[in-house]
Amino acid sequence: MGSDKYIPLFETKRARALVLYRSFAVTLSVGICLILFYRVSYMPKDGEEGRWFWIGLLGAELWFGFYWVLTQALRWNQVHRLTFKDRLSQRYEKFLPRVDVFCVHGGPHDRATDNGD
């Protein structure tokens, strides 16, 4: 394996249209911030009608914003990995053991019934 020529098992490519996605992500992030700013600036007073509804909406928007930030770590720099399955056997053919597959199928209808005879 040390003297063999190195054959890559996969290829990594950057996703196309990252600029388009990043501009969409920034726009959506600004929108989320504006919604949160609106919610905080128009907070209902104690005892005012709809206060619990407002708290529920604020909680949902905070959760959505937090989720959006977490998922951007994976989506900001997208890559695609193209695997070459045929190269695995070429690289490790000498080192992979031969495998026999034995499938057992036994259900209740396959068993011999013991009638006490």
PDB file of N, CA and C in Angstrom:
ATOM      1  N   MET A   1       0.817  -1.179   0.000  1.00  0.00           N
ATOM      2  CA  MET A   1       0.000   0.000   0.000  1.00  0.00           C
ATOM      3  C   MET A   1       0.865   1.248   0.000  1.00  0.00           C
ATOM      4  N   GLY A   2       2.050   1.204   0.597  1.00  0.00           N
ATOM      5  CA  GLY A   2       2.927   2.362   0.654  1.00  0.00           C
ATOM      6  C   GLY A   2       3.512   2.715  -0.698  1.00  0.00           C
ATOM      7  N   SER A   3       3.796   1.718  -1.541  1.00  0.00           N
ATOM      8  CA  SER A   3       4.403   1.995  -2.839  1.00  0.00           C
ATOM      9  C   SER A   3       3.369   2.235  -3.934  1.00  0.00           C
ATOM     10  N   ASP A   4       2.106   1.907  -3.672  1.00  0.00           N
ATOM     11  CA  ASP A   4       1.068   2.117  -4.672  1.00  0.00           C
ATOM     12  C   ASP A   4       0.825   3.614  -4.878  1.00  0.00           C
ATOM     13  N   LYS A   5       0.418   3.952  -6.068  1.00  0.00           N
ATOM     14  CA  LYS A   5       0.074   5.339  -6.362  1.00  0.00           C
ATOM     15  C   LYS A   5      -1.221   5.690  -5.637  1.00  0.00           C
ATOM     16  N   TYR A   6      -1.266   6.861  -5.034  1.00  0.00           N
ATOM     17  CA  TYR A   6      -2.427   7.297  -4.271  1.00  0.00           C
ATOM     18  C   TYR A   6      -3.592   7.605  -5.208  1.00  0.00           C
ATOM     19  N   ILE A   7      -4.713   6.968  -4.956  1.00  0.00           N
ATOM     20  CA  ILE A   7      -5.923   7.198  -5.730  1.00  0.00           C
ATOM     21  C   ILE A   7      -6.968   7.779  -4.772  1.00  0.00           C
ATOM     22  N   PRO A   8      -7.440   8.999  -5.016  1.00  0.00           N
ATOM     23  CA  PRO A   8      -8.432   9.573  -4.098  1.00  0.00           C
ATOM     24  C   PRO A   8      -9.763   8.826  -4.173  1.00  0.00           C
ATOM     25  N   LEU A   9     -10.397   8.673  -3.015  1.00  0.00           N
ATOM     26  CA  LEU A   9     -11.671   7.976  -2.952  1.00  0.00           C
ATOM     27  C   LEU A   9     -12.854   8.914  -3.129  1.00  0.00           C
ATOM     28  N   PHE A  10     -12.612  10.217  -2.991  1.00  0.00           N
ATOM     29  CA  PHE A  10     -13.676  11.184  -3.206  1.00  0.00           C
ATOM     30  C   PHE A  10     -13.078  12.501  -3.673  1.00  0.00           C
ATOM     31  N   GLU A  11     -13.923  13.329  -4.217  1.00  0.00           N
ATOM     32  CA  GLU A  11     -13.518  14.648  -4.684  1.00  0.00           C
ATOM     33  C   GLU A  11     -14.427  15.676  -4.009  1.00  0.00           C
ATOM     34  N   THR A  12     -13.824  16.741  -3.519  1.00  0.00           N
ATOM     35  CA  THR A  12     -14.585  17.788  -2.850  1.00  0.00           C
ATOM     36  C   THR A  12     -14.699  18.992  -3.769  1.00  0.00           C
ATOM     37  N   LYS A  13     -15.944  19.433  -3.982  1.00  0.00           N
ATOM     38  CA  LYS A  13     -16.183  20.604  -4.816  1.00  0.00           C
ATOM     39  C   LYS A  13     -17.009  21.607  -4.034  1.00  0.00           C
ATOM     40  N   ARG A  14     -16.668  22.872  -4.191  1.00  0.00           N
ATOM     41  CA  ARG A  14     -17.479  23.921  -3.571  1.00  0.00           C
ATOM     42  C   ARG A  14     -18.776  24.063  -4.346  1.00  0.00           C
ATOM     43  N   ALA A  15     -19.831  24.352  -3.627  1.00  0.00           N
ATOM     44  CA  ALA A  15     -21.138  24.524  -4.257  1.00  0.00           C
ATOM     45  C   ALA A  15     -21.144  25.798  -5.087  1.00  0.00           C
ATOM     46  N   ARG A  16     -21.895  25.750  -6.168  1.00  0.00           N
ATOM     47  CA  ARG A  16     -22.031  26.934  -7.013  1.00  0.00           C
ATOM     48  C   ARG A  16     -23.085  27.861  -6.418  1.00  0.00           C
ATOM     49  N   ALA A  17     -23.065  29.099  -6.841  1.00  0.00           N
ATOM     50  CA  ALA A  17     -24.042  30.120  -6.437  1.00  0.00           C
ATOM     51  C   ALA A  17     -23.973  30.430  -4.947  1.00  0.00           C
ATOM     52  N   LEU A  18     -22.766  30.381  -4.369  1.00  0.00           N
ATOM     53  CA  LEU A  18     -22.625  30.736  -2.959  1.00  0.00           C
ATOM     54  C   LEU A  18     -22.919  32.212  -2.720  1.00  0.00           C
ATOM     55  N   VAL A  19     -22.566  33.064  -3.664  1.00  0.00           N
ATOM     56  CA  VAL A  19     -22.830  34.497  -3.501  1.00  0.00           C
ATOM     57  C   VAL A  19     -24.332  34.738  -3.425  1.00  0.00           C
ATOM     58  N   LEU A  20     -25.086  34.054  -4.248  1.00  0.00           N
ATOM     59  CA  LEU A  20     -26.538  34.186  -4.236  1.00  0.00           C
ATOM     60  C   LEU A  20     -27.111  33.710  -2.904  1.00  0.00           C
ATOM     61  N   TYR A  21     -26.643  32.569  -2.416  1.00  0.00           N
ATOM     62  CA  TYR A  21     -27.139  32.065  -1.134  1.00  0.00           C
ATOM     63  C   TYR A  21     -26.733  32.982   0.013  1.00  0.00           C
ATOM     64  N   ARG A  22     -25.504  33.453   0.000  1.00  0.00           N
ATOM     65  CA  ARG A  22     -25.049  34.320   1.083  1.00  0.00           C
ATOM     66  C   ARG A  22     -25.817  35.633   1.112  1.00  0.00           C
ATOM     67  N   SER A  23     -26.140  36.173  -0.044  1.00  0.00           N
ATOM     68  CA  SER A  23     -26.947  37.400  -0.055  1.00  0.00           C
ATOM     69  C   SER A  23     -28.353  37.115   0.482  1.00  0.00           C
ATOM     70  N   PHE A  24     -28.923  35.961   0.151  1.00  0.00           N
ATOM     71  CA  PHE A  24     -30.209  35.560   0.706  1.00  0.00           C
ATOM     72  C   PHE A  24     -30.120  35.409   2.220  1.00  0.00           C
ATOM     73  N   ALA A  25     -29.041  34.784   2.708  1.00  0.00           N
ATOM     74  CA  ALA A  25     -28.879  34.561   4.142  1.00  0.00           C
ATOM     75  C   ALA A  25     -28.731  35.875   4.895  1.00  0.00           C
ATOM     76  N   VAL A  26     -27.972  36.787   4.344  1.00  0.00           N
ATOM     77  CA  VAL A  26     -27.805  38.090   4.999  1.00  0.00           C
ATOM     78  C   VAL A  26     -29.138  38.836   5.022  1.00  0.00           C
ATOM     79  N   THR A  27     -29.871  38.796   3.925  1.00  0.00           N
ATOM     80  CA  THR A  27     -31.170  39.460   3.866  1.00  0.00           C
ATOM     81  C   THR A  27     -32.135  38.869   4.894  1.00  0.00           C
ATOM     82  N   LEU A  28     -32.166  37.563   5.003  1.00  0.00           N
ATOM     83  CA  LEU A  28     -33.044  36.925   5.973  1.00  0.00           C
ATOM     84  C   LEU A  28     -32.600  37.229   7.400  1.00  0.00           C
ATOM     85  N   SER A  29     -31.304  37.286   7.646  1.00  0.00           N
ATOM     86  CA  SER A  29     -30.803  37.628   8.982  1.00  0.00           C
ATOM     87  C   SER A  29     -31.197  39.046   9.362  1.00  0.00           C
ATOM     88  N   VAL A  30     -31.104  39.966   8.421  1.00  0.00           N
ATOM     89  CA  VAL A  30     -31.527  41.346   8.687  1.00  0.00           C
ATOM     90  C   VAL A  30     -33.030  41.370   8.969  1.00  0.00           C
ATOM     91  N   GLY A  31     -33.803  40.611   8.215  1.00  0.00           N
ATOM     92  CA  GLY A  31     -35.245  40.533   8.454  1.00  0.00           C
ATOM     93  C   GLY A  31     -35.570  40.004   9.837  1.00  0.00           C
ATOM     94  N   ILE A  32     -34.864  38.971  10.276  1.00  0.00           N
ATOM     95  CA  ILE A  32     -35.082  38.419  11.615  1.00  0.00           C
ATOM     96  C   ILE A  32     -34.753  39.454  12.674  1.00  0.00           C
ATOM     97  N   CYS A  33     -33.652  40.165  12.494  1.00  0.00           N
ATOM     98  CA  CYS A  33     -33.276  41.211  13.462  1.00  0.00           C
ATOM     99  C   CYS A  33     -34.317  42.326  13.506  1.00  0.00           C
ATOM    100  N   LEU A  34     -34.861  42.711  12.359  1.00  0.00           N
ATOM    101  CA  LEU A  34     -35.890  43.751  12.325  1.00  0.00           C
ATOM    102  C   LEU A  34     -37.178  43.289  13.013  1.00  0.00           C
ATOM    103  N   ILE A  35     -37.548  42.035  12.819  1.00  0.00           N
ATOM    104  CA  ILE A  35     -38.735  41.509  13.496  1.00  0.00           C
ATOM    105  C   ILE A  35     -38.527  41.504  15.003  1.00  0.00           C
ATOM    106  N   LEU A  36     -37.353  41.070  15.456  1.00  0.00           N
ATOM    107  CA  LEU A  36     -37.073  41.065  16.901  1.00  0.00           C
ATOM    108  C   LEU A  36     -37.054  42.484  17.460  1.00  0.00           C
ATOM    109  N   PHE A  37     -36.488  43.429  16.714  1.00  0.00           N
ATOM    110  CA  PHE A  37     -36.489  44.832  17.143  1.00  0.00           C
ATOM    111  C   PHE A  37     -37.918  45.353  17.261  1.00  0.00           C
ATOM    112  N   TYR A  38     -38.758  45.013  16.298  1.00  0.00           N
ATOM    113  CA  TYR A  38     -40.160  45.432  16.339  1.00  0.00           C
ATOM    114  C   TYR A  38     -40.869  44.852  17.556  1.00  0.00           C
ATOM    115  N   ARG A  39     -40.651  43.570  17.825  1.00  0.00           N
ATOM    116  CA  ARG A  39     -41.301  42.925  18.973  1.00  0.00           C
ATOM    117  C   ARG A  39     -40.902  43.588  20.278  1.00  0.00           C
ATOM    118  N   VAL A  40     -39.622  43.861  20.435  1.00  0.00           N
ATOM    119  CA  VAL A  40     -39.150  44.438  21.701  1.00  0.00           C
ATOM    120  C   VAL A  40     -39.602  45.893  21.836  1.00  0.00           C
ATOM    121  N   SER A  41     -39.638  46.633  20.745  1.00  0.00           N
ATOM    122  CA  SER A  41     -40.004  48.056  20.834  1.00  0.00           C
ATOM    123  C   SER A  41     -41.502  48.265  21.063  1.00  0.00           C
ATOM    124  N   TYR A  42     -42.350  47.317  20.696  1.00  0.00           N
ATOM    125  CA  TYR A  42     -43.798  47.435  20.903  1.00  0.00           C
ATOM    126  C   TYR A  42     -44.283  46.379  21.896  1.00  0.00           C
ATOM    127  N   MET A  43     -43.683  46.396  23.079  1.00  0.00           N
ATOM    128  CA  MET A  43     -44.023  45.440  24.125  1.00  0.00           C
ATOM    129  C   MET A  43     -45.315  45.887  24.823  1.00  0.00           C
ATOM    130  N   PRO A  44     -46.311  45.003  24.929  1.00  0.00           N
ATOM    131  CA  PRO A  44     -47.536  45.372  25.640  1.00  0.00           C
ATOM    132  C   PRO A  44     -47.280  45.569  27.136  1.00  0.00           C
ATOM    133  N   LYS A  45     -48.025  46.444  27.716  1.00  0.00           N
ATOM    134  CA  LYS A  45     -47.884  46.725  29.155  1.00  0.00           C
ATOM    135  C   LYS A  45     -48.547  45.608  29.955  1.00  0.00           C
ATOM    136  N   ASP A  46     -48.223  45.579  31.268  1.00  0.00           N
ATOM    137  CA  ASP A  46     -48.833  44.588  32.158  1.00  0.00           C
ATOM    138  C   ASP A  46     -50.346  44.748  32.157  1.00  0.00           C
ATOM    139  N   GLY A  47     -51.053  43.640  32.019  1.00  0.00           N
ATOM    140  CA  GLY A  47     -52.502  43.649  32.045  1.00  0.00           C
ATOM    141  C   GLY A  47     -53.137  44.005  30.710  1.00  0.00           C
ATOM    142  N   GLU A  48     -52.357  44.429  29.739  1.00  0.00           N
ATOM    143  CA  GLU A  48     -52.904  44.770  28.429  1.00  0.00           C
ATOM    144  C   GLU A  48     -53.299  43.503  27.687  1.00  0.00           C
ATOM    145  N   GLU A  49     -54.347  43.601  26.897  1.00  0.00           N
ATOM    146  CA  GLU A  49     -54.847  42.446  26.162  1.00  0.00           C
ATOM    147  C   GLU A  49     -53.827  41.997  25.105  1.00  0.00           C
ATOM    148  N   GLY A  50     -53.621  40.714  25.023  1.00  0.00           N
ATOM    149  CA  GLY A  50     -52.716  40.154  24.027  1.00  0.00           C
ATOM    150  C   GLY A  50     -51.272  40.022  24.494  1.00  0.00           C
ATOM    151  N   ARG A  51     -51.011  40.265  25.773  1.00  0.00           N
ATOM    152  CA  ARG A  51     -49.630  40.180  26.263  1.00  0.00           C
ATOM    153  C   ARG A  51     -49.090  38.753  26.159  1.00  0.00           C
ATOM    154  N   TRP A  52     -49.900  37.750  26.506  1.00  0.00           N
ATOM    155  CA  TRP A  52     -49.434  36.363  26.440  1.00  0.00           C
ATOM    156  C   TRP A  52     -49.237  35.924  24.999  1.00  0.00           C
ATOM    157  N   PHE A  53     -50.061  36.429  24.119  1.00  0.00           N
ATOM    158  CA  PHE A  53     -49.882  36.154  22.700  1.00  0.00           C
ATOM    159  C   PHE A  53     -48.562  36.755  22.213  1.00  0.00           C
ATOM    160  N   TRP A  54     -48.247  37.958  22.676  1.00  0.00           N
ATOM    161  CA  TRP A  54     -47.002  38.624  22.313  1.00  0.00           C
ATOM    162  C   TRP A  54     -45.795  37.838  22.825  1.00  0.00           C
ATOM    163  N   ILE A  55     -45.879  37.353  24.068  1.00  0.00           N
ATOM    164  CA  ILE A  55     -44.779  36.567  24.647  1.00  0.00           C
ATOM    165  C   ILE A  55     -44.570  35.284  23.848  1.00  0.00           C
ATOM    166  N   GLY A  56     -45.655  34.632  23.439  1.00  0.00           N
ATOM    167  CA  GLY A  56     -45.540  33.423  22.621  1.00  0.00           C
ATOM    168  C   GLY A  56     -44.887  33.698  21.277  1.00  0.00           C
ATOM    169  N   LEU A  57     -45.303  34.802  20.633  1.00  0.00           N
ATOM    170  CA  LEU A  57     -44.688  35.156  19.351  1.00  0.00           C
ATOM    171  C   LEU A  57     -43.211  35.502  19.511  1.00  0.00           C
ATOM    172  N   LEU A  58     -42.876  36.222  20.554  1.00  0.00           N
ATOM    173  CA  LEU A  58     -41.469  36.556  20.801  1.00  0.00           C
ATOM    174  C   LEU A  58     -40.640  35.294  21.017  1.00  0.00           C
ATOM    175  N   GLY A  59     -41.182  34.344  21.782  1.00  0.00           N
ATOM    176  CA  GLY A  59     -40.468  33.085  22.008  1.00  0.00           C
ATOM    177  C   GLY A  59     -40.250  32.309  20.720  1.00  0.00           C
ATOM    178  N   ALA A  60     -41.289  32.258  19.874  1.00  0.00           N
ATOM    179  CA  ALA A  60     -41.164  31.549  18.600  1.00  0.00           C
ATOM    180  C   ALA A  60     -40.147  32.230  17.695  1.00  0.00           C
ATOM    181  N   GLU A  61     -40.153  33.552  17.654  1.00  0.00           N
ATOM    182  CA  GLU A  61     -39.205  34.277  16.803  1.00  0.00           C
ATOM    183  C   GLU A  61     -37.782  34.168  17.330  1.00  0.00           C
ATOM    184  N   LEU A  62     -37.613  34.159  18.645  1.00  0.00           N
ATOM    185  CA  LEU A  62     -36.270  33.948  19.210  1.00  0.00           C
ATOM    186  C   LEU A  62     -35.760  32.548  18.865  1.00  0.00           C
ATOM    187  N   TRP A  63     -36.638  31.551  18.975  1.00  0.00           N
ATOM    188  CA  TRP A  63     -36.246  30.190  18.639  1.00  0.00           C
ATOM    189  C   TRP A  63     -35.870  30.072  17.163  1.00  0.00           C
ATOM    190  N   PHE A  64     -36.669  30.671  16.276  1.00  0.00           N
ATOM    191  CA  PHE A  64     -36.372  30.634  14.848  1.00  0.00           C
ATOM    192  C   PHE A  64     -35.044  31.326  14.553  1.00  0.00           C
ATOM    193  N   GLY A  65     -34.805  32.468  15.192  1.00  0.00           N
ATOM    194  CA  GLY A  65     -33.541  33.180  14.996  1.00  0.00           C
ATOM    195  C   GLY A  65     -32.349  32.368  15.478  1.00  0.00           C
ATOM    196  N   PHE A  66     -32.480  31.719  16.630  1.00  0.00           N
ATOM    197  CA  PHE A  66     -31.406  30.880  17.166  1.00  0.00           C
ATOM    198  C   PHE A  66     -31.138  29.699  16.231  1.00  0.00           C
ATOM    199  N   TYR A  67     -32.209  29.070  15.743  1.00  0.00           N
ATOM    200  CA  TYR A  67     -32.070  27.957  14.807  1.00  0.00           C
ATOM    201  C   TYR A  67     -31.410  28.418  13.514  1.00  0.00           C
ATOM    202  N   TRP A  68     -31.771  29.580  13.032  1.00  0.00           N
ATOM    203  CA  TRP A  68     -31.195  30.125  11.808  1.00  0.00           C
ATOM    204  C   TRP A  68     -29.683  30.318  11.968  1.00  0.00           C
ATOM    205  N   VAL A  69     -29.259  30.872  13.093  1.00  0.00           N
ATOM    206  CA  VAL A  69     -27.826  31.086  13.334  1.00  0.00           C
ATOM    207  C   VAL A  69     -27.088  29.752  13.384  1.00  0.00           C
ATOM    208  N   LEU A  70     -27.667  28.759  14.061  1.00  0.00           N
ATOM    209  CA  LEU A  70     -27.008  27.449  14.158  1.00  0.00           C
ATOM    210  C   LEU A  70     -26.858  26.777  12.799  1.00  0.00           C
ATOM    211  N   THR A  71     -27.865  26.853  11.964  1.00  0.00           N
ATOM    212  CA  THR A  71     -27.786  26.167  10.682  1.00  0.00           C
ATOM    213  C   THR A  71     -26.888  26.878   9.682  1.00  0.00           C
ATOM    214  N   GLN A  72     -26.606  28.136   9.900  1.00  0.00           N
ATOM    215  CA  GLN A  72     -25.743  28.849   8.965  1.00  0.00           C
ATOM    216  C   GLN A  72     -24.305  28.360   9.018  1.00  0.00           C
ATOM    217  N   ALA A  73     -23.901  27.763  10.115  1.00  0.00           N
ATOM    218  CA  ALA A  73     -22.549  27.213  10.209  1.00  0.00           C
ATOM    219  C   ALA A  73     -22.326  26.132   9.146  1.00  0.00           C
ATOM    220  N   LEU A  74     -23.359  25.375   8.835  1.00  0.00           N
ATOM    221  CA  LEU A  74     -23.237  24.326   7.825  1.00  0.00           C
ATOM    222  C   LEU A  74     -23.514  24.830   6.421  1.00  0.00           C
ATOM    223  N   ARG A  75     -24.376  25.812   6.298  1.00  0.00           N
ATOM    224  CA  ARG A  75     -24.814  26.252   4.976  1.00  0.00           C
ATOM    225  C   ARG A  75     -23.949  27.356   4.382  1.00  0.00           C
ATOM    226  N   TRP A  76     -23.165  28.060   5.185  1.00  0.00           N
ATOM    227  CA  TRP A  76     -22.430  29.216   4.696  1.00  0.00           C
ATOM    228  C   TRP A  76     -21.337  28.829   3.704  1.00  0.00           C
ATOM    229  N   ASN A  77     -20.664  27.724   3.951  1.00  0.00           N
ATOM    230  CA  ASN A  77     -19.585  27.272   3.071  1.00  0.00           C
ATOM    231  C   ASN A  77     -19.907  25.845   2.613  1.00  0.00           C
ATOM    232  N   GLN A  78     -20.824  25.723   1.693  1.00  0.00           N
ATOM    233  CA  GLN A  78     -21.281  24.409   1.266  1.00  0.00           C
ATOM    234  C   GLN A  78     -20.274  23.738   0.344  1.00  0.00           C
ATOM    235  N   VAL A  79     -20.088  22.437   0.571  1.00  0.00           N
ATOM    236  CA  VAL A  79     -19.246  21.623  -0.307  1.00  0.00           C
ATOM    237  C   VAL A  79     -20.013  20.349  -0.642  1.00  0.00           C
ATOM    238  N   HIS A  80     -19.679  19.776  -1.775  1.00  0.00           N
ATOM    239  CA  HIS A  80     -20.251  18.504  -2.197  1.00  0.00           C
ATOM    240  C   HIS A  80     -19.107  17.514  -2.365  1.00  0.00           C
ATOM    241  N   ARG A  81     -19.275  16.327  -1.827  1.00  0.00           N
ATOM    242  CA  ARG A  81     -18.256  15.292  -1.963  1.00  0.00           C
ATOM    243  C   ARG A  81     -18.781  14.224  -2.916  1.00  0.00           C
ATOM    244  N   LEU A  82     -18.056  14.030  -3.992  1.00  0.00           N
ATOM    245  CA  LEU A  82     -18.402  13.012  -4.977  1.00  0.00           C
ATOM    246  C   LEU A  82     -17.542  11.790  -4.704  1.00  0.00           C
ATOM    247  N   THR A  83     -18.182  10.683  -4.360  1.00  0.00           N
ATOM    248  CA  THR A  83     -17.422   9.481  -4.017  1.00  0.00           C
ATOM    249  C   THR A  83     -17.203   8.616  -5.249  1.00  0.00           C
ATOM    250  N   PHE A  84     -16.062   7.942  -5.240  1.00  0.00           N
ATOM    251  CA  PHE A  84     -15.708   7.003  -6.301  1.00  0.00           C
ATOM    252  C   PHE A  84     -15.663   5.609  -5.680  1.00  0.00           C
ATOM    253  N   LYS A  85     -16.789   4.915  -5.693  1.00  0.00           N
ATOM    254  CA  LYS A  85     -16.888   3.623  -5.028  1.00  0.00           C
ATOM    255  C   LYS A  85     -16.012   2.559  -5.692  1.00  0.00           C
ATOM    256  N   ASP A  86     -15.811   2.673  -6.981  1.00  0.00           N
ATOM    257  CA  ASP A  86     -15.005   1.671  -7.673  1.00  0.00           C
ATOM    258  C   ASP A  86     -13.535   1.749  -7.264  1.00  0.00           C
ATOM    259  N   ARG A  87     -13.087   2.897  -6.816  1.00  0.00           N
ATOM    260  CA  ARG A  87     -11.677   3.046  -6.430  1.00  0.00           C
ATOM    261  C   ARG A  87     -11.362   2.422  -5.079  1.00  0.00           C
ATOM    262  N   LEU A  88     -12.363   2.184  -4.256  1.00  0.00           N
ATOM    263  CA  LEU A  88     -12.127   1.562  -2.959  1.00  0.00           C
ATOM    264  C   LEU A  88     -11.550   0.169  -3.131  1.00  0.00           C
ATOM    265  N   SER A  89     -12.137  -0.614  -4.024  1.00  0.00           N
ATOM    266  CA  SER A  89     -11.616  -1.964  -4.238  1.00  0.00           C
ATOM    267  C   SER A  89     -10.256  -1.924  -4.930  1.00  0.00           C
ATOM    268  N   GLN A  90     -10.022  -0.926  -5.779  1.00  0.00           N
ATOM    269  CA  GLN A  90      -8.712  -0.810  -6.423  1.00  0.00           C
ATOM    270  C   GLN A  90      -7.622  -0.507  -5.398  1.00  0.00           C
ATOM    271  N   ARG A  91      -7.923   0.332  -4.437  1.00  0.00           N
ATOM    272  CA  ARG A  91      -6.905   0.724  -3.466  1.00  0.00           C
ATOM    273  C   ARG A  91      -6.668  -0.364  -2.423  1.00  0.00           C
ATOM    274  N   TYR A  92      -7.729  -0.973  -1.921  1.00  0.00           N
ATOM    275  CA  TYR A  92      -7.605  -1.895  -0.799  1.00  0.00           C
ATOM    276  C   TYR A  92      -7.906  -3.344  -1.177  1.00  0.00           C
ATOM    277  N   GLU A  93      -7.788  -3.704  -2.436  1.00  0.00           N
ATOM    278  CA  GLU A  93      -8.138  -5.047  -2.882  1.00  0.00           C
ATOM    279  C   GLU A  93      -7.335  -6.118  -2.151  1.00  0.00           C
ATOM    280  N   LYS A  94      -6.062  -5.849  -1.873  1.00  0.00           N
ATOM    281  CA  LYS A  94      -5.211  -6.828  -1.213  1.00  0.00           C
ATOM    282  C   LYS A  94      -5.539  -6.958   0.273  1.00  0.00           C
ATOM    283  N   PHE A  95      -6.116  -5.909   0.857  1.00  0.00           N
ATOM    284  CA  PHE A  95      -6.307  -5.873   2.306  1.00  0.00           C
ATOM    285  C   PHE A  95      -7.730  -6.193   2.749  1.00  0.00           C
ATOM    286  N   LEU A  96      -8.684  -6.175   1.825  1.00  0.00           N
ATOM    287  CA  LEU A  96     -10.060  -6.455   2.193  1.00  0.00           C
ATOM    288  C   LEU A  96     -10.302  -7.957   2.185  1.00  0.00           C
ATOM    289  N   PRO A  97     -10.875  -8.506   3.258  1.00  0.00           N
ATOM    290  CA  PRO A  97     -11.164  -9.943   3.273  1.00  0.00           C
ATOM    291  C   PRO A  97     -12.363 -10.247   2.393  1.00  0.00           C
ATOM    292  N   ARG A  98     -12.402 -11.452   1.915  1.00  0.00           N
ATOM    293  CA  ARG A  98     -13.566 -11.892   1.159  1.00  0.00           C
ATOM    294  C   ARG A  98     -14.708 -12.105   2.157  1.00  0.00           C
ATOM    295  N   VAL A  99     -15.876 -11.726   1.769  1.00  0.00           N
ATOM    296  CA  VAL A  99     -17.024 -11.806   2.671  1.00  0.00           C
ATOM    297  C   VAL A  99     -18.084 -12.690   2.036  1.00  0.00           C
ATOM    298  N   ASP A 100     -18.528 -13.663   2.801  1.00  0.00           N
ATOM    299  CA  ASP A 100     -19.656 -14.482   2.387  1.00  0.00           C
ATOM    300  C   ASP A 100     -20.873 -13.966   3.130  1.00  0.00           C
ATOM    301  N   VAL A 101     -21.949 -13.835   2.417  1.00  0.00           N
ATOM    302  CA  VAL A 101     -23.181 -13.350   3.025  1.00  0.00           C
ATOM    303  C   VAL A 101     -24.118 -14.529   3.183  1.00  0.00           C
ATOM    304  N   PHE A 102     -24.581 -14.714   4.393  1.00  0.00           N
ATOM    305  CA  PHE A 102     -25.505 -15.804   4.695  1.00  0.00           C
ATOM    306  C   PHE A 102     -26.762 -15.175   5.271  1.00  0.00           C
ATOM    307  N   CYS A 103     -27.851 -15.282   4.560  1.00  0.00           N
ATOM    308  CA  CYS A 103     -29.122 -14.709   5.005  1.00  0.00           C
ATOM    309  C   CYS A 103     -29.980 -15.821   5.580  1.00  0.00           C
ATOM    310  N   VAL A 104     -30.384 -15.641   6.800  1.00  0.00           N
ATOM    311  CA  VAL A 104     -31.241 -16.614   7.463  1.00  0.00           C
ATOM    312  C   VAL A 104     -32.660 -16.083   7.413  1.00  0.00           C
ATOM    313  N   HIS A 105     -33.550 -16.904   6.925  1.00  0.00           N
ATOM    314  CA  HIS A 105     -34.955 -16.536   6.917  1.00  0.00           C
ATOM    315  C   HIS A 105     -35.705 -17.620   7.646  1.00  0.00           C
ATOM    316  N   GLY A 106     -36.206 -17.261   8.774  1.00  0.00           N
ATOM    317  CA  GLY A 106     -36.986 -18.241   9.522  1.00  0.00           C
ATOM    318  C   GLY A 106     -38.133 -17.536  10.196  1.00  0.00           C
ATOM    319  N   GLY A 107     -39.286 -17.874   9.803  1.00  0.00           N
ATOM    320  CA  GLY A 107     -40.470 -17.293  10.405  1.00  0.00           C
ATOM    321  C   GLY A 107     -41.305 -18.386  11.037  1.00  0.00           C
ATOM    322  N   PRO A 108     -42.414 -18.025  11.615  1.00  0.00           N
ATOM    323  CA  PRO A 108     -43.261 -19.031  12.264  1.00  0.00           C
ATOM    324  C   PRO A 108     -43.802 -20.058  11.280  1.00  0.00           C
ATOM    325  N   HIS A 109     -43.974 -19.693  10.036  1.00  0.00           N
ATOM    326  CA  HIS A 109     -44.505 -20.640   9.061  1.00  0.00           C
ATOM    327  C   HIS A 109     -43.428 -21.587   8.540  1.00  0.00           C
ATOM    328  N   ASP A 110     -42.155 -21.285   8.808  1.00  0.00           N
ATOM    329  CA  ASP A 110     -41.073 -22.144   8.335  1.00  0.00           C
ATOM    330  C   ASP A 110     -40.695 -23.227   9.341  1.00  0.00           C
ATOM    331  N   ARG A 111     -41.068 -23.071  10.574  1.00  0.00           N
ATOM    332  CA  ARG A 111     -40.675 -24.025  11.606  1.00  0.00           C
ATOM    333  C   ARG A 111     -41.554 -25.281  11.529  1.00  0.00           C
ATOM    334  N   ALA A 112     -40.918 -26.367  11.861  1.00  0.00           N
ATOM    335  CA  ALA A 112     -41.680 -27.622  11.967  1.00  0.00           C
ATOM    336  C   ALA A 112     -42.469 -27.571  13.258  1.00  0.00           C
ATOM    337  N   THR A 113     -43.710 -27.895  13.198  1.00  0.00           N
ATOM    338  CA  THR A 113     -44.533 -27.850  14.412  1.00  0.00           C
ATOM    339  C   THR A 113     -44.437 -29.175  15.148  1.00  0.00           C
ATOM    340  N   ASP A 114     -44.377 -29.077  16.425  1.00  0.00           N
ATOM    341  CA  ASP A 114     -44.291 -30.267  17.257  1.00  0.00           C
ATOM    342  C   ASP A 114     -45.679 -30.521  17.843  1.00  0.00           C
ATOM    343  N   ASN A 115     -46.324 -31.557  17.322  1.00  0.00           N
ATOM    344  CA  ASN A 115     -47.672 -31.900  17.780  1.00  0.00           C
ATOM    345  C   ASN A 115     -47.652 -32.904  18.911  1.00  0.00           C
ATOM    346  N   GLY A 116     -46.478 -33.216  19.386  1.00  0.00           N
ATOM    347  CA  GLY A 116     -46.397 -34.209  20.446  1.00  0.00           C
ATOM    348  C   GLY A 116     -46.393 -35.621  19.904  1.00  0.00           C
ATOM    349  N   ASP A 117     -46.292 -35.812  18.619  1.00  0.00           N
ATOM    350  CA  ASP A 117     -46.292 -37.145  18.010  1.00  0.00           C
ATOM    351  C   ASP A 117     -44.919 -37.768  18.050  1.00  0.00           C
TER     352      ASP A 117
END
